[in-house]
Amino acid sequence: MLIISASLVYDLAYGDFSFEENGKIESLINKKEEELQIIASENEAFKEEINLLKNNNEYVEHIARENLGLIKEEEEYFDDEPE
């Protein structure tokens, strides 16, 4: 009985299920939950942008102008940035 008790105490102190290991695992779980929240908010932002791209022609035009430098036929392009 003494050997079994000693083995259990050793396992609690230094084994796979020790208090220190449980603390590390809880810390890792908390970190992963925070990462998951960040990813979820990024996904929501992407969903909103997809919705805008599908349903809002003004937004598509804004993206085309800002990111691609596209202009309408009757417009002139002026480069504001110095070379």
PDB file of N, CA and C in Angstrom:
ATOM      1  N   MET A   1       0.818  -1.183   0.000  1.00  0.00           N
ATOM      2  CA  MET A   1       0.000   0.000   0.000  1.00  0.00           C
ATOM      3  C   MET A   1       0.870   1.258   0.000  1.00  0.00           C
ATOM      4  N   LEU A   2       1.966   1.191   0.702  1.00  0.00           N
ATOM      5  CA  LEU A   2       2.877   2.326   0.774  1.00  0.00           C
ATOM      6  C   LEU A   2       3.490   2.609  -0.597  1.00  0.00           C
ATOM      7  N   ILE A   3       3.821   1.584  -1.333  1.00  0.00           N
ATOM      8  CA  ILE A   3       4.419   1.755  -2.665  1.00  0.00           C
ATOM      9  C   ILE A   3       3.409   2.398  -3.621  1.00  0.00           C
ATOM     10  N   ILE A   4       2.169   1.961  -3.568  1.00  0.00           N
ATOM     11  CA  ILE A   4       1.128   2.532  -4.421  1.00  0.00           C
ATOM     12  C   ILE A   4       0.903   4.001  -4.073  1.00  0.00           C
ATOM     13  N   SER A   5       0.863   4.330  -2.800  1.00  0.00           N
ATOM     14  CA  SER A   5       0.680   5.719  -2.353  1.00  0.00           C
ATOM     15  C   SER A   5       1.849   6.582  -2.816  1.00  0.00           C
ATOM     16  N   ALA A   6       3.050   6.068  -2.674  1.00  0.00           N
ATOM     17  CA  ALA A   6       4.234   6.814  -3.100  1.00  0.00           C
ATOM     18  C   ALA A   6       4.211   7.030  -4.607  1.00  0.00           C
ATOM     19  N   SER A   7       3.789   6.013  -5.343  1.00  0.00           N
ATOM     20  CA  SER A   7       3.694   6.125  -6.795  1.00  0.00           C
ATOM     21  C   SER A   7       2.677   7.186  -7.198  1.00  0.00           C
ATOM     22  N   LEU A   8       1.550   7.221  -6.529  1.00  0.00           N
ATOM     23  CA  LEU A   8       0.529   8.225  -6.827  1.00  0.00           C
ATOM     24  C   LEU A   8       1.002   9.637  -6.510  1.00  0.00           C
ATOM     25  N   VAL A   9       1.685   9.794  -5.386  1.00  0.00           N
ATOM     26  CA  VAL A   9       2.207  11.108  -5.015  1.00  0.00           C
ATOM     27  C   VAL A   9       3.263  11.560  -6.020  1.00  0.00           C
ATOM     28  N   TYR A  10       4.130  10.654  -6.431  1.00  0.00           N
ATOM     29  CA  TYR A  10       5.139  10.979  -7.439  1.00  0.00           C
ATOM     30  C   TYR A  10       4.466  11.395  -8.747  1.00  0.00           C
ATOM     31  N   ASP A  11       3.433  10.657  -9.145  1.00  0.00           N
ATOM     32  CA  ASP A  11       2.707  10.978 -10.377  1.00  0.00           C
ATOM     33  C   ASP A  11       2.066  12.358 -10.295  1.00  0.00           C
ATOM     34  N   LEU A  12       1.498  12.695  -9.150  1.00  0.00           N
ATOM     35  CA  LEU A  12       0.886  14.014  -8.990  1.00  0.00           C
ATOM     36  C   LEU A  12       1.928  15.129  -9.052  1.00  0.00           C
ATOM     37  N   ALA A  13       3.104  14.869  -8.544  1.00  0.00           N
ATOM     38  CA  ALA A  13       4.134  15.900  -8.489  1.00  0.00           C
ATOM     39  C   ALA A  13       4.909  16.031  -9.795  1.00  0.00           C
ATOM     40  N   TYR A  14       5.198  14.905 -10.460  1.00  0.00           N
ATOM     41  CA  TYR A  14       6.114  14.947 -11.603  1.00  0.00           C
ATOM     42  C   TYR A  14       5.595  14.254 -12.850  1.00  0.00           C
ATOM     43  N   GLY A  15       4.485  13.616 -12.811  1.00  0.00           N
ATOM     44  CA  GLY A  15       4.010  12.814 -13.934  1.00  0.00           C
ATOM     45  C   GLY A  15       3.285  13.623 -15.000  1.00  0.00           C
ATOM     46  N   ASP A  16       2.677  12.890 -15.927  1.00  0.00           N
ATOM     47  CA  ASP A  16       1.954  13.507 -17.035  1.00  0.00           C
ATOM     48  C   ASP A  16       0.759  14.317 -16.562  1.00  0.00           C
ATOM     49  N   PHE A  17       0.216  13.988 -15.438  1.00  0.00           N
ATOM     50  CA  PHE A  17      -0.963  14.665 -14.920  1.00  0.00           C
ATOM     51  C   PHE A  17      -0.640  15.505 -13.685  1.00  0.00           C
ATOM     52  N   SER A  18       0.585  15.966 -13.602  1.00  0.00           N
ATOM     53  CA  SER A  18       1.009  16.769 -12.450  1.00  0.00           C
ATOM     54  C   SER A  18       0.372  18.158 -12.502  1.00  0.00           C
ATOM     55  N   PHE A  19       0.446  18.848 -11.393  1.00  0.00           N
ATOM     56  CA  PHE A  19      -0.109  20.190 -11.320  1.00  0.00           C
ATOM     57  C   PHE A  19       0.587  21.132 -12.295  1.00  0.00           C
ATOM     58  N   GLU A  20       1.890  20.960 -12.446  1.00  0.00           N
ATOM     59  CA  GLU A  20       2.641  21.808 -13.378  1.00  0.00           C
ATOM     60  C   GLU A  20       2.199  21.570 -14.813  1.00  0.00           C
ATOM     61  N   GLU A  21       2.029  20.316 -15.193  1.00  0.00           N
ATOM     62  CA  GLU A  21       1.584  19.985 -16.545  1.00  0.00           C
ATOM     63  C   GLU A  21       0.166  20.508 -16.791  1.00  0.00           C
ATOM     64  N   ASN A  22      -0.692  20.388 -15.786  1.00  0.00           N
ATOM     65  CA  ASN A  22      -2.050  20.911 -15.924  1.00  0.00           C
ATOM     66  C   ASN A  22      -2.032  22.418 -16.126  1.00  0.00           C
ATOM     67  N   GLY A  23      -1.141  23.116 -15.436  1.00  0.00           N
ATOM     68  CA  GLY A  23      -1.008  24.561 -15.617  1.00  0.00           C
ATOM     69  C   GLY A  23      -0.557  24.914 -17.021  1.00  0.00           C
ATOM     70  N   LYS A  24       0.403  24.151 -17.541  1.00  0.00           N
ATOM     71  CA  LYS A  24       0.873  24.385 -18.909  1.00  0.00           C
ATOM     72  C   LYS A  24      -0.249  24.151 -19.908  1.00  0.00           C
ATOM     73  N   ILE A  25      -0.996  23.089 -19.700  1.00  0.00           N
ATOM     74  CA  ILE A  25      -2.092  22.762 -20.614  1.00  0.00           C
ATOM     75  C   ILE A  25      -3.174  23.841 -20.557  1.00  0.00           C
ATOM     76  N   GLU A  26      -3.519  24.317 -19.363  1.00  0.00           N
ATOM     77  CA  GLU A  26      -4.519  25.382 -19.238  1.00  0.00           C
ATOM     78  C   GLU A  26      -4.044  26.658 -19.921  1.00  0.00           C
ATOM     79  N   SER A  27      -2.766  26.971 -19.780  1.00  0.00           N
ATOM     80  CA  SER A  27      -2.201  28.150 -20.428  1.00  0.00           C
ATOM     81  C   SER A  27      -2.287  28.014 -21.947  1.00  0.00           C
ATOM     82  N   LEU A  28      -1.972  26.842 -22.457  1.00  0.00           N
ATOM     83  CA  LEU A  28      -2.048  26.596 -23.896  1.00  0.00           C
ATOM     84  C   LEU A  28      -3.492  26.688 -24.387  1.00  0.00           C
ATOM     85  N   ILE A  29      -4.417  26.156 -23.624  1.00  0.00           N
ATOM     86  CA  ILE A  29      -5.831  26.231 -23.992  1.00  0.00           C
ATOM     87  C   ILE A  29      -6.285  27.688 -24.058  1.00  0.00           C
ATOM     88  N   ASN A  30      -5.907  28.486 -23.067  1.00  0.00           N
ATOM     89  CA  ASN A  30      -6.278  29.908 -23.062  1.00  0.00           C
ATOM     90  C   ASN A  30      -5.709  30.636 -24.273  1.00  0.00           C
ATOM     91  N   LYS A  31      -4.452  30.338 -24.600  1.00  0.00           N
ATOM     92  CA  LYS A  31      -3.815  30.971 -25.757  1.00  0.00           C
ATOM     93  C   LYS A  31      -4.545  30.592 -27.043  1.00  0.00           C
ATOM     94  N   LYS A  32      -4.884  29.325 -27.190  1.00  0.00           N
ATOM     95  CA  LYS A  32      -5.580  28.861 -28.398  1.00  0.00           C
ATOM     96  C   LYS A  32      -6.990  29.440 -28.487  1.00  0.00           C
ATOM     97  N   GLU A  33      -7.662  29.623 -27.346  1.00  0.00           N
ATOM     98  CA  GLU A  33      -8.994  30.235 -27.352  1.00  0.00           C
ATOM     99  C   GLU A  33      -8.911  31.694 -27.795  1.00  0.00           C
ATOM    100  N   GLU A  34      -7.869  32.406 -27.375  1.00  0.00           N
ATOM    101  CA  GLU A  34      -7.665  33.782 -27.817  1.00  0.00           C
ATOM    102  C   GLU A  34      -7.407  33.830 -29.317  1.00  0.00           C
ATOM    103  N   GLU A  35      -6.573  32.913 -29.820  1.00  0.00           N
ATOM    104  CA  GLU A  35      -6.307  32.853 -31.246  1.00  0.00           C
ATOM    105  C   GLU A  35      -7.586  32.552 -32.018  1.00  0.00           C
ATOM    106  N   LEU A  36      -8.400  31.669 -31.488  1.00  0.00           N
ATOM    107  CA  LEU A  36      -9.660  31.315 -32.121  1.00  0.00           C
ATOM    108  C   LEU A  36     -10.596  32.522 -32.193  1.00  0.00           C
ATOM    109  N   GLN A  37     -10.634  33.336 -31.147  1.00  0.00           N
ATOM    110  CA  GLN A  37     -11.460  34.541 -31.158  1.00  0.00           C
ATOM    111  C   GLN A  37     -10.979  35.523 -32.222  1.00  0.00           C
ATOM    112  N   ILE A  38      -9.673  35.667 -32.354  1.00  0.00           N
ATOM    113  CA  ILE A  38      -9.114  36.559 -33.379  1.00  0.00           C
ATOM    114  C   ILE A  38      -9.482  36.062 -34.770  1.00  0.00           C
ATOM    115  N   ILE A  39      -9.338  34.763 -34.985  1.00  0.00           N
ATOM    116  CA  ILE A  39      -9.671  34.188 -36.290  1.00  0.00           C
ATOM    117  C   ILE A  39     -11.159  34.332 -36.581  1.00  0.00           C
ATOM    118  N   ALA A  40     -11.995  34.153 -35.573  1.00  0.00           N
ATOM    119  CA  ALA A  40     -13.442  34.298 -35.766  1.00  0.00           C
ATOM    120  C   ALA A  40     -13.790  35.734 -36.162  1.00  0.00           C
ATOM    121  N   SER A  41     -13.155  36.712 -35.525  1.00  0.00           N
ATOM    122  CA  SER A  41     -13.444  38.111 -35.886  1.00  0.00           C
ATOM    123  C   SER A  41     -12.930  38.421 -37.288  1.00  0.00           C
ATOM    124  N   GLU A  42     -11.773  37.859 -37.664  1.00  0.00           N
ATOM    125  CA  GLU A  42     -11.272  38.041 -39.028  1.00  0.00           C
ATOM    126  C   GLU A  42     -12.230  37.420 -40.036  1.00  0.00           C
ATOM    127  N   ASN A  43     -12.766  36.253 -39.716  1.00  0.00           N
ATOM    128  CA  ASN A  43     -13.731  35.600 -40.602  1.00  0.00           C
ATOM    129  C   ASN A  43     -14.970  36.467 -40.790  1.00  0.00           C
ATOM    130  N   GLU A  44     -15.442  37.085 -39.716  1.00  0.00           N
ATOM    131  CA  GLU A  44     -16.611  37.967 -39.816  1.00  0.00           C
ATOM    132  C   GLU A  44     -16.314  39.152 -40.727  1.00  0.00           C
ATOM    133  N   ALA A  45     -15.116  39.711 -40.593  1.00  0.00           N
ATOM    134  CA  ALA A  45     -14.726  40.839 -41.446  1.00  0.00           C
ATOM    135  C   ALA A  45     -14.680  40.404 -42.908  1.00  0.00           C
ATOM    136  N   PHE A  46     -14.154  39.211 -43.175  1.00  0.00           N
ATOM    137  CA  PHE A  46     -14.114  38.702 -44.542  1.00  0.00           C
ATOM    138  C   PHE A  46     -15.518  38.458 -45.086  1.00  0.00           C
ATOM    139  N   LYS A  47     -16.395  37.945 -44.256  1.00  0.00           N
ATOM    140  CA  LYS A  47     -17.781  37.725 -44.687  1.00  0.00           C
ATOM    141  C   LYS A  47     -18.444  39.051 -45.053  1.00  0.00           C
ATOM    142  N   GLU A  48     -18.210  40.080 -44.245  1.00  0.00           N
ATOM    143  CA  GLU A  48     -18.773  41.392 -44.536  1.00  0.00           C
ATOM    144  C   GLU A  48     -18.229  41.943 -45.851  1.00  0.00           C
ATOM    145  N   GLU A  49     -16.924  41.777 -46.075  1.00  0.00           N
ATOM    146  CA  GLU A  49     -16.333  42.267 -47.321  1.00  0.00           C
ATOM    147  C   GLU A  49     -16.862  41.496 -48.521  1.00  0.00           C
ATOM    148  N   ILE A  50     -17.027  40.196 -48.385  1.00  0.00           N
ATOM    149  CA  ILE A  50     -17.599  39.391 -49.469  1.00  0.00           C
ATOM    150  C   ILE A  50     -19.009  39.864 -49.778  1.00  0.00           C
ATOM    151  N   ASN A  51     -19.785  40.124 -48.740  1.00  0.00           N
ATOM    152  CA  ASN A  51     -21.147  40.616 -48.938  1.00  0.00           C
ATOM    153  C   ASN A  51     -21.142  41.950 -49.675  1.00  0.00           C
ATOM    154  N   LEU A  52     -20.239  42.852 -49.281  1.00  0.00           N
ATOM    155  CA  LEU A  52     -20.128  44.131 -49.977  1.00  0.00           C
ATOM    156  C   LEU A  52     -19.726  43.944 -51.438  1.00  0.00           C
ATOM    157  N   LEU A  53     -18.775  43.064 -51.686  1.00  0.00           N
ATOM    158  CA  LEU A  53     -18.323  42.830 -53.056  1.00  0.00           C
ATOM    159  C   LEU A  53     -19.431  42.235 -53.918  1.00  0.00           C
ATOM    160  N   LYS A  54     -20.279  41.419 -53.329  1.00  0.00           N
ATOM    161  CA  LYS A  54     -21.374  40.810 -54.086  1.00  0.00           C
ATOM    162  C   LYS A  54     -22.518  41.787 -54.334  1.00  0.00           C
ATOM    163  N   ASN A  55     -22.791  42.672 -53.381  1.00  0.00           N
ATOM    164  CA  ASN A  55     -24.035  43.437 -53.417  1.00  0.00           C
ATOM    165  C   ASN A  55     -23.886  44.947 -53.542  1.00  0.00           C
ATOM    166  N   ASN A  56     -22.671  45.475 -53.490  1.00  0.00           N
ATOM    167  CA  ASN A  56     -22.507  46.924 -53.472  1.00  0.00           C
ATOM    168  C   ASN A  56     -21.556  47.336 -54.592  1.00  0.00           C
ATOM    169  N   ASN A  57     -22.112  47.835 -55.688  1.00  0.00           N
ATOM    170  CA  ASN A  57     -21.294  48.222 -56.836  1.00  0.00           C
ATOM    171  C   ASN A  57     -20.385  49.404 -56.517  1.00  0.00           C
ATOM    172  N   GLU A  58     -20.826  50.303 -55.650  1.00  0.00           N
ATOM    173  CA  GLU A  58     -19.982  51.433 -55.274  1.00  0.00           C
ATOM    174  C   GLU A  58     -18.731  50.955 -54.546  1.00  0.00           C
ATOM    175  N   TYR A  59     -18.874  49.946 -53.708  1.00  0.00           N
ATOM    176  CA  TYR A  59     -17.711  49.404 -52.999  1.00  0.00           C
ATOM    177  C   TYR A  59     -16.752  48.736 -53.980  1.00  0.00           C
ATOM    178  N   VAL A  60     -17.291  47.995 -54.933  1.00  0.00           N
ATOM    179  CA  VAL A  60     -16.450  47.349 -55.946  1.00  0.00           C
ATOM    180  C   VAL A  60     -15.693  48.409 -56.737  1.00  0.00           C
ATOM    181  N   GLU A  61     -16.393  49.493 -57.092  1.00  0.00           N
ATOM    182  CA  GLU A  61     -15.736  50.583 -57.820  1.00  0.00           C
ATOM    183  C   GLU A  61     -14.636  51.214 -56.966  1.00  0.00           C
ATOM    184  N   HIS A  62     -14.906  51.396 -55.681  1.00  0.00           N
ATOM    185  CA  HIS A  62     -13.904  51.958 -54.767  1.00  0.00           C
ATOM    186  C   HIS A  62     -12.659  51.063 -54.716  1.00  0.00           C
ATOM    187  N   ILE A  63     -12.868  49.764 -54.590  1.00  0.00           N
ATOM    188  CA  ILE A  63     -11.735  48.826 -54.555  1.00  0.00           C
ATOM    189  C   ILE A  63     -10.957  48.873 -55.870  1.00  0.00           C
ATOM    190  N   ALA A  64     -11.678  48.908 -56.975  1.00  0.00           N
ATOM    191  CA  ALA A  64     -11.017  48.954 -58.286  1.00  0.00           C
ATOM    192  C   ALA A  64     -10.182  50.221 -58.427  1.00  0.00           C
ATOM    193  N   ARG A  65     -10.689  51.322 -57.941  1.00  0.00           N
ATOM    194  CA  ARG A  65      -9.947  52.587 -58.038  1.00  0.00           C
ATOM    195  C   ARG A  65      -8.738  52.595 -57.101  1.00  0.00           C
ATOM    196  N   GLU A  66      -8.969  52.215 -55.842  1.00  0.00           N
ATOM    197  CA  GLU A  66      -7.908  52.301 -54.840  1.00  0.00           C
ATOM    198  C   GLU A  66      -6.812  51.256 -55.040  1.00  0.00           C
ATOM    199  N   ASN A  67      -7.200  50.024 -55.270  1.00  0.00           N
ATOM    200  CA  ASN A  67      -6.207  48.943 -55.308  1.00  0.00           C
ATOM    201  C   ASN A  67      -5.651  48.669 -56.698  1.00  0.00           C
ATOM    202  N   LEU A  68      -6.454  48.916 -57.710  1.00  0.00           N
ATOM    203  CA  LEU A  68      -6.014  48.569 -59.066  1.00  0.00           C
ATOM    204  C   LEU A  68      -5.712  49.785 -59.926  1.00  0.00           C
ATOM    205  N   GLY A  69      -6.072  50.985 -59.455  1.00  0.00           N
ATOM    206  CA  GLY A  69      -5.809  52.199 -60.220  1.00  0.00           C
ATOM    207  C   GLY A  69      -6.688  52.334 -61.444  1.00  0.00           C
ATOM    208  N   LEU A  70      -7.838  51.681 -61.462  1.00  0.00           N
ATOM    209  CA  LEU A  70      -8.729  51.764 -62.615  1.00  0.00           C
ATOM    210  C   LEU A  70      -9.503  53.074 -62.605  1.00  0.00           C
ATOM    211  N   ILE A  71      -9.820  53.566 -63.817  1.00  0.00           N
ATOM    212  CA  ILE A  71     -10.602  54.790 -63.956  1.00  0.00           C
ATOM    213  C   ILE A  71     -11.677  54.547 -65.013  1.00  0.00           C
ATOM    214  N   LYS A  72     -12.686  55.423 -64.997  1.00  0.00           N
ATOM    215  CA  LYS A  72     -13.727  55.358 -66.019  1.00  0.00           C
ATOM    216  C   LYS A  72     -13.198  55.975 -67.307  1.00  0.00           C
ATOM    217  N   GLU A  73     -13.890  55.718 -68.418  1.00  0.00           N
ATOM    218  CA  GLU A  73     -13.424  56.192 -69.721  1.00  0.00           C
ATOM    219  C   GLU A  73     -13.289  57.714 -69.784  1.00  0.00           C
ATOM    220  N   GLU A  74     -14.203  58.451 -69.182  1.00  0.00           N
ATOM    221  CA  GLU A  74     -14.191  59.907 -69.290  1.00  0.00           C
ATOM    222  C   GLU A  74     -13.303  60.583 -68.242  1.00  0.00           C
ATOM    223  N   GLU A  75     -12.619  59.830 -67.409  1.00  0.00           N
ATOM    224  CA  GLU A  75     -11.794  60.391 -66.348  1.00  0.00           C
ATOM    225  C   GLU A  75     -10.318  60.393 -66.728  1.00  0.00           C
ATOM    226  N   GLU A  76      -9.556  61.256 -66.039  1.00  0.00           N
ATOM    227  CA  GLU A  76      -8.110  61.279 -66.188  1.00  0.00           C
ATOM    228  C   GLU A  76      -7.482  60.825 -64.874  1.00  0.00           C
ATOM    229  N   TYR A  77      -6.351  60.172 -64.977  1.00  0.00           N
ATOM    230  CA  TYR A  77      -5.650  59.678 -63.785  1.00  0.00           C
ATOM    231  C   TYR A  77      -4.537  60.645 -63.410  1.00  0.00           C
ATOM    232  N   PHE A  78      -4.529  61.060 -62.142  1.00  0.00           N
ATOM    233  CA  PHE A  78      -3.462  61.909 -61.617  1.00  0.00           C
ATOM    234  C   PHE A  78      -2.764  61.137 -60.513  1.00  0.00           C
ATOM    235  N   ASP A  79      -1.446  61.044 -60.623  1.00  0.00           N
ATOM    236  CA  ASP A  79      -0.657  60.350 -59.612  1.00  0.00           C
ATOM    237  C   ASP A  79      -0.266  61.350 -58.533  1.00  0.00           C
ATOM    238  N   ASP A  80      -0.811  61.177 -57.339  1.00  0.00           N
ATOM    239  CA  ASP A  80      -0.527  62.100 -56.236  1.00  0.00           C
ATOM    240  C   ASP A  80       0.803  61.817 -55.551  1.00  0.00           C
ATOM    241  N   GLU A  81       1.313  60.639 -55.721  1.00  0.00           N
ATOM    242  CA  GLU A  81       2.544  60.243 -55.017  1.00  0.00           C
ATOM    243  C   GLU A  81       3.770  60.692 -55.802  1.00  0.00           C
ATOM    244  N   PRO A  82       4.726  61.365 -55.116  1.00  0.00           N
ATOM    245  CA  PRO A  82       5.970  61.757 -55.812  1.00  0.00           C
ATOM    246  C   PRO A  82       6.841  60.535 -56.096  1.00  0.00           C
ATOM    247  N   GLU A  83       7.579  60.640 -57.165  1.00  0.00           N
ATOM    248  CA  GLU A  83       8.443  59.511 -57.559  1.00  0.00           C
ATOM    249  C   GLU A  83       9.768  59.550 -56.884  1.00  0.00           C
TER     250      GLU A  83
END
